[in-house]
Amino acid sequence: MLRNIIAISTVAAFALTAPAFAEYSSAEETVSQSVIMTGDGFFPEVTYSHPGRSLVFHNESESTIIIKASDESWETDEIPAQTSKTLRLTGEMQKSFVVDGNASVMGAFSFEPAPTHE
């Protein structure tokens, strides 16, 4: 129970401070967006981005993970617990991804505009 409360608190803290995690490089104007892996899933489940940007996967679980495309066309290096890895996005990449060894933990990125809630 305490572990779930901590995970939810961590996700909430990242959600409230998400703009602070956008990293800008004056040389390339590169933008990074954070995706948090809690062990139970990805937050956000779908990240709306653009080719040329990067996703920074934050492993908030208790074990080392590898994230890979659902069609296995790309994968990250190992991401130890409580560390991060960056993945640069290209227009040709498979957009859905899973945790290696656990296909029920799924996430995705999209190059479509984010939905609006009117």
Protein backbone atom coordinates (compact mmCIF):
# COMPACT_ATOMS: atom_id res chain seq x y z
CA MET A 1 0.00 0.00 0.00
CA LEU A 2 2.76 2.44 0.97
CA ARG A 3 4.64 1.56 -2.24
CA ASN A 4 1.52 2.43 -4.31
CA ILE A 5 1.09 5.73 -2.45
CA ILE A 6 4.73 6.62 -3.11
CA ALA A 7 4.39 5.69 -6.80
CA ILE A 8 1.21 7.76 -7.16
CA SER A 9 2.83 10.70 -5.35
CA THR A 10 5.83 10.49 -7.67
CA VAL A 11 3.62 10.45 -10.76
CA ALA A 12 1.60 13.39 -9.45
CA ALA A 13 4.74 15.38 -8.71
CA PHE A 14 6.08 14.79 -12.23
CA ALA A 15 2.71 15.69 -13.75
CA LEU A 16 2.59 18.98 -11.88
CA THR A 17 6.14 19.87 -12.83
CA ALA A 18 6.16 18.45 -16.39
CA PRO A 19 7.07 21.79 -18.02
CA ALA A 20 10.18 21.89 -15.84
CA PHE A 21 11.36 18.64 -17.46
CA ALA A 22 11.36 20.10 -20.98
CA GLU A 23 15.04 20.57 -21.71
CA TYR A 24 16.13 23.14 -24.26
CA SER A 25 19.48 23.22 -26.01
CA SER A 26 20.33 26.56 -27.53
CA ALA A 27 22.46 24.86 -30.20
CA GLU A 28 19.66 22.68 -31.62
CA GLU A 29 16.50 23.75 -29.79
CA THR A 30 16.07 20.10 -28.79
CA VAL A 31 13.06 19.40 -26.62
CA SER A 32 12.85 16.40 -24.30
CA GLN A 33 9.65 15.02 -22.84
CA SER A 34 9.47 12.80 -19.78
CA VAL A 35 7.80 9.39 -19.58
CA ILE A 36 7.68 7.75 -16.16
CA MET A 37 7.68 3.97 -15.74
CA THR A 38 6.29 3.06 -12.30
CA GLY A 39 6.36 -0.73 -12.63
CA ASP A 40 2.62 -0.82 -13.30
CA GLY A 41 2.61 1.32 -16.45
CA PHE A 42 3.81 4.42 -18.23
CA PHE A 43 2.80 8.00 -17.40
CA PRO A 44 1.64 9.49 -19.59
CA GLU A 45 0.31 6.45 -21.41
CA VAL A 46 0.51 8.40 -24.71
CA THR A 47 3.05 11.20 -25.21
CA TYR A 48 2.28 13.72 -27.95
CA SER A 49 5.52 14.81 -29.57
CA HIS A 50 7.30 15.56 -32.86
CA PRO A 51 10.08 13.87 -34.85
CA GLY A 52 13.46 15.16 -33.71
CA ARG A 53 12.41 15.47 -30.09
CA SER A 54 13.51 13.06 -27.38
CA LEU A 55 11.67 10.97 -24.83
CA VAL A 56 13.37 10.61 -21.47
CA PHE A 57 12.26 7.36 -19.83
CA HIS A 58 12.45 7.61 -16.01
CA ASN A 59 12.49 4.17 -14.39
CA GLU A 60 10.71 4.62 -11.06
CA SER A 61 10.26 0.85 -10.64
CA GLU A 62 12.34 -1.37 -8.39
CA SER A 63 14.08 -3.32 -11.15
CA THR A 64 16.13 -2.81 -14.31
CA ILE A 65 14.01 -2.60 -17.46
CA ILE A 66 14.42 -2.40 -21.22
CA ILE A 67 11.78 -0.58 -23.24
CA LYS A 68 11.26 -1.73 -26.80
CA ALA A 69 8.98 -1.12 -29.74
CA SER A 70 6.00 -3.43 -29.87
CA ASP A 71 7.30 -4.66 -33.26
CA GLU A 72 10.85 -4.97 -31.78
CA SER A 73 12.27 -2.48 -34.32
CA TRP A 74 14.02 -0.44 -31.59
CA GLU A 75 14.87 -0.76 -27.90
CA THR A 76 16.61 1.17 -25.16
CA ASP A 77 19.68 0.01 -23.32
CA GLU A 78 19.02 -1.34 -19.84
CA ILE A 79 17.51 1.29 -17.55
CA PRO A 80 18.41 0.49 -13.94
CA ALA A 81 15.90 1.33 -11.20
CA GLN A 82 15.72 5.05 -10.34
CA THR A 83 17.64 6.13 -13.48
CA SER A 84 16.74 7.49 -16.92
CA LYS A 85 17.52 6.91 -20.60
CA THR A 86 16.87 9.17 -23.57
CA LEU A 87 15.41 8.06 -26.92
CA ARG A 88 15.52 10.40 -29.93
CA LEU A 89 12.34 10.18 -32.04
CA THR A 90 12.24 9.83 -35.81
CA GLY A 91 9.23 9.84 -38.10
CA GLU A 92 9.78 6.21 -39.15
CA MET A 93 9.80 4.70 -35.64
CA GLN A 94 7.20 2.28 -34.32
CA LYS A 95 5.19 4.43 -31.90
CA SER A 96 3.93 1.83 -29.42
CA PHE A 97 6.29 0.35 -26.86
CA VAL A 98 6.35 -2.21 -24.06
CA VAL A 99 8.56 -3.25 -21.19
CA ASP A 100 10.69 -6.15 -22.41
CA GLY A 101 9.32 -9.31 -20.88
CA ASN A 102 5.98 -7.75 -19.93
CA ALA A 103 3.89 -6.91 -23.00
CA SER A 104 0.94 -5.93 -20.76
CA VAL A 105 2.82 -2.75 -19.73
CA MET A 106 2.32 -0.60 -22.81
CA GLY A 107 2.85 3.01 -23.81
CA ALA A 108 3.01 5.04 -27.01
CA PHE A 109 3.98 8.33 -28.56
CA SER A 110 2.07 10.14 -31.27
CA PHE A 111 2.93 12.84 -33.76
CA GLU A 112 -0.74 13.86 -33.95
CA PRO A 113 -1.93 16.95 -32.07
CA ALA A 114 -2.86 16.26 -28.46
CA PRO A 115 -6.60 15.99 -27.88
CA THR A 116 -8.30 18.95 -26.29
CA HIS A 117 -10.83 18.67 -23.51
CA GLU A 118 -13.53 21.18 -24.21
